[in-house]
Amino acid sequence: MWQVRDTFKAAFEVDNYEAFVRVQSDAAVRKLAGQYSYDNFDDESETTLRSGYDEVNHTLEENLRNRLEIAGINVIEARIGYLAYAPEIASAMLRRQQATAVVAARHKIVEGAVSMVEMALDHLSKKQIVELDEERKAAMVSNLMVVLCGDKDVSPVVNTGTLNH
């Protein structure tokens, strides 16, 4: 939102003040897109176009004020209403977002699996169900981690002999 504050500047400093506002607004948005990342990928504290709504809009407003001042235009308010990216960029950003979600989910799965393995080993030890040497503990941990972290159903294997043969 803007208004003409100085009619002399609006009439004589630029050819067409309405076109000037459009061109300067586009330029300010482009500058903003280059200044801020679209989204947080590695640094959660980073201000981005998606997460830093207030700061981004304030920066846009200040940038526009500086650009439009020479034409006698007063910027009342400026904010981003809609962001659109080229399809190939949007597609790449979506893939990256999906990959980040998969990694976060896998992290949670492993965290839970480790907790379950610890619990299983503790219970077996406390109840003295079976005594495991370090090699058998490692084999059990490996098997449990595969079962708990795998994304496919497992097929049980029944051992009819001893573990040593």
Protein backbone atom coordinates (compact mmCIF):
# COMPACT_ATOMS: atom_id res chain seq x y z
CA MET A 1 0.00 0.00 0.00
CA TRP A 2 1.36 3.37 -0.94
CA GLN A 3 0.37 6.98 -1.52
CA VAL A 4 1.80 10.00 -3.29
CA ARG A 5 3.28 12.27 -0.63
CA ASP A 6 5.10 14.76 -2.86
CA THR A 7 3.17 15.45 -6.08
CA PHE A 8 6.01 17.49 -7.55
CA LYS A 9 8.47 14.58 -7.28
CA ALA A 10 5.85 12.10 -8.53
CA ALA A 11 5.19 14.27 -11.58
CA PHE A 12 8.71 15.46 -12.45
CA GLU A 13 11.27 13.02 -10.98
CA VAL A 14 9.91 9.97 -12.83
CA ASP A 15 8.05 9.52 -16.13
CA ASN A 16 5.15 7.51 -14.73
CA TYR A 17 5.00 7.10 -10.96
CA GLU A 18 2.59 4.12 -11.07
CA ALA A 19 4.87 2.20 -13.44
CA PHE A 20 7.83 3.24 -11.27
CA VAL A 21 6.12 1.75 -8.20
CA ARG A 22 5.52 -1.55 -10.08
CA VAL A 23 9.11 -1.80 -11.35
CA GLN A 24 10.63 -0.91 -7.97
CA SER A 25 8.31 -3.34 -6.18
CA ASP A 26 9.38 -6.19 -8.48
CA ALA A 27 13.03 -5.28 -7.97
CA ALA A 28 12.59 -5.18 -4.18
CA VAL A 29 10.95 -8.62 -4.15
CA ARG A 30 13.75 -10.04 -6.32
CA LYS A 31 16.32 -8.60 -3.94
CA LEU A 32 14.45 -10.11 -1.01
CA ALA A 33 14.37 -13.55 -2.70
CA GLY A 34 18.15 -13.36 -3.09
CA GLN A 35 18.67 -12.17 0.46
CA TYR A 36 16.66 -14.88 2.28
CA SER A 37 16.50 -18.63 1.80
CA TYR A 38 13.10 -20.07 0.98
CA ASP A 39 13.05 -22.47 3.91
CA ASN A 40 15.14 -23.80 6.81
CA PHE A 41 17.17 -26.79 5.71
CA ASP A 42 20.12 -26.91 8.06
CA ASP A 43 19.86 -23.97 10.45
CA GLU A 44 16.53 -23.76 12.30
CA SER A 45 17.39 -20.29 13.63
CA GLU A 46 17.90 -18.81 10.17
CA THR A 47 15.31 -16.28 9.03
CA THR A 48 13.68 -17.46 5.82
CA LEU A 49 10.92 -16.34 3.47
CA ARG A 50 8.61 -18.96 5.00
CA SER A 51 9.53 -18.70 8.68
CA GLY A 52 10.46 -15.05 9.10
CA TYR A 53 7.23 -13.40 8.01
CA ASP A 54 7.55 -10.25 10.15
CA GLU A 55 11.26 -9.66 9.55
CA VAL A 56 11.00 -10.36 5.83
CA ASN A 57 8.05 -8.00 5.42
CA HIS A 58 9.82 -5.31 7.43
CA THR A 59 12.91 -5.65 5.21
CA LEU A 60 10.72 -5.42 2.10
CA GLU A 61 8.96 -2.34 3.44
CA GLU A 62 12.25 -0.57 4.23
CA ASN A 63 13.70 -1.47 0.84
CA LEU A 64 10.62 -0.10 -0.92
CA ARG A 65 10.65 3.09 1.16
CA ASN A 66 14.25 3.74 0.10
CA ARG A 67 13.51 3.00 -3.56
CA LEU A 68 10.28 5.01 -3.83
CA GLU A 69 11.32 8.04 -1.80
CA ILE A 70 12.88 9.73 -4.87
CA ALA A 71 9.48 9.72 -6.58
CA GLY A 72 7.66 11.24 -3.61
CA ILE A 73 5.90 7.96 -2.81
CA ASN A 74 5.12 7.06 0.79
CA VAL A 75 5.03 3.32 1.53
CA ILE A 76 2.28 2.63 4.04
CA GLU A 77 2.70 -1.15 4.18
CA ALA A 78 4.46 -3.85 2.20
CA ARG A 79 4.22 -7.61 2.55
CA ILE A 80 4.62 -10.72 0.51
CA GLY A 81 1.26 -12.20 -0.34
CA TYR A 82 2.34 -15.00 -2.64
CA LEU A 83 5.60 -16.67 -3.62
CA ALA A 84 5.88 -18.70 -6.79
CA TYR A 85 8.93 -20.50 -8.13
CA ALA A 86 9.70 -21.98 -11.50
CA PRO A 87 8.43 -25.58 -11.71
CA GLU A 88 11.92 -27.11 -11.77
CA ILE A 89 12.97 -25.13 -8.68
CA ALA A 90 9.73 -25.93 -6.88
CA SER A 91 10.19 -29.61 -7.72
CA ALA A 92 13.76 -29.63 -6.39
CA MET A 93 12.67 -27.84 -3.22
CA LEU A 94 9.87 -30.37 -2.69
CA ARG A 95 12.30 -33.28 -3.10
CA ARG A 96 14.66 -31.69 -0.59
CA GLN A 97 11.79 -31.12 1.84
CA GLN A 98 10.71 -34.75 1.46
CA ALA A 99 14.28 -35.99 1.97
CA THR A 100 14.56 -33.90 5.13
CA ALA A 101 11.31 -35.42 6.42
CA VAL A 102 12.55 -38.96 5.66
CA VAL A 103 15.83 -38.32 7.48
CA ALA A 104 13.98 -36.90 10.49
CA ALA A 105 11.63 -39.91 10.55
CA ARG A 106 14.57 -42.33 10.28
CA HIS A 107 16.32 -40.52 13.12
CA LYS A 108 13.24 -41.02 15.33
CA ILE A 109 12.98 -44.69 14.33
CA VAL A 110 16.63 -45.37 15.20
CA GLU A 111 16.29 -43.44 18.46
CA GLY A 112 13.28 -45.57 19.41
CA ALA A 113 14.96 -48.80 18.30
CA VAL A 114 18.06 -48.11 20.39
CA SER A 115 15.84 -47.44 23.39
CA MET A 116 13.96 -50.71 22.81
CA VAL A 117 17.19 -52.69 22.44
CA GLU A 118 18.53 -51.21 25.69
CA MET A 119 15.28 -52.09 27.41
CA ALA A 120 15.36 -55.67 26.07
CA LEU A 121 18.96 -56.22 27.20
CA ASP A 122 18.21 -54.74 30.64
CA HIS A 123 15.12 -56.91 31.11
CA LEU A 124 16.92 -60.09 30.02
CA SER A 125 19.75 -59.31 32.40
CA LYS A 126 17.53 -58.35 35.39
CA LYS A 127 15.23 -61.35 35.06
CA GLN A 128 18.19 -63.64 34.39
CA ILE A 129 16.36 -65.25 31.49
CA VAL A 130 19.54 -65.76 29.54
CA GLU A 131 23.15 -64.76 29.99
CA LEU A 132 24.71 -63.30 26.89
CA ASP A 133 28.41 -62.83 26.24
CA GLU A 134 29.51 -59.75 24.30
CA GLU A 135 29.41 -61.54 20.94
CA ARG A 136 25.84 -62.78 21.45
CA LYS A 137 24.77 -59.35 22.71
CA ALA A 138 26.19 -57.83 19.54
CA ALA A 139 24.32 -60.39 17.41
CA MET A 140 21.09 -59.71 19.31
CA VAL A 141 21.53 -55.95 18.99
CA SER A 142 22.19 -56.32 15.27
CA ASN A 143 19.12 -58.52 14.75
CA LEU A 144 16.84 -56.26 16.80
CA MET A 145 18.06 -53.13 15.01
CA VAL A 146 17.39 -54.74 11.62
CA VAL A 147 13.89 -55.76 12.70
CA LEU A 148 13.03 -52.47 14.39
CA CYS A 149 14.55 -50.13 11.79
CA GLY A 150 13.70 -52.01 8.62
CA ASP A 151 10.95 -50.66 6.40
CA LYS A 152 9.92 -54.14 5.23
CA ASP A 153 8.37 -56.98 7.20
CA VAL A 154 10.89 -59.50 8.46
CA SER A 155 10.78 -63.25 8.04
CA PRO A 156 11.53 -65.08 11.26
CA VAL A 157 14.22 -67.72 11.28
CA VAL A 158 13.85 -70.51 13.80
CA ASN A 159 17.17 -71.92 14.96
CA THR A 160 16.76 -75.58 15.90
CA GLY A 161 20.38 -76.13 16.86
CA THR A 162 22.72 -74.27 19.13
CA LEU A 163 24.11 -70.84 18.31
CA ASN A 164 27.65 -72.25 18.17
CA HIS A 165 27.02 -74.65 15.25
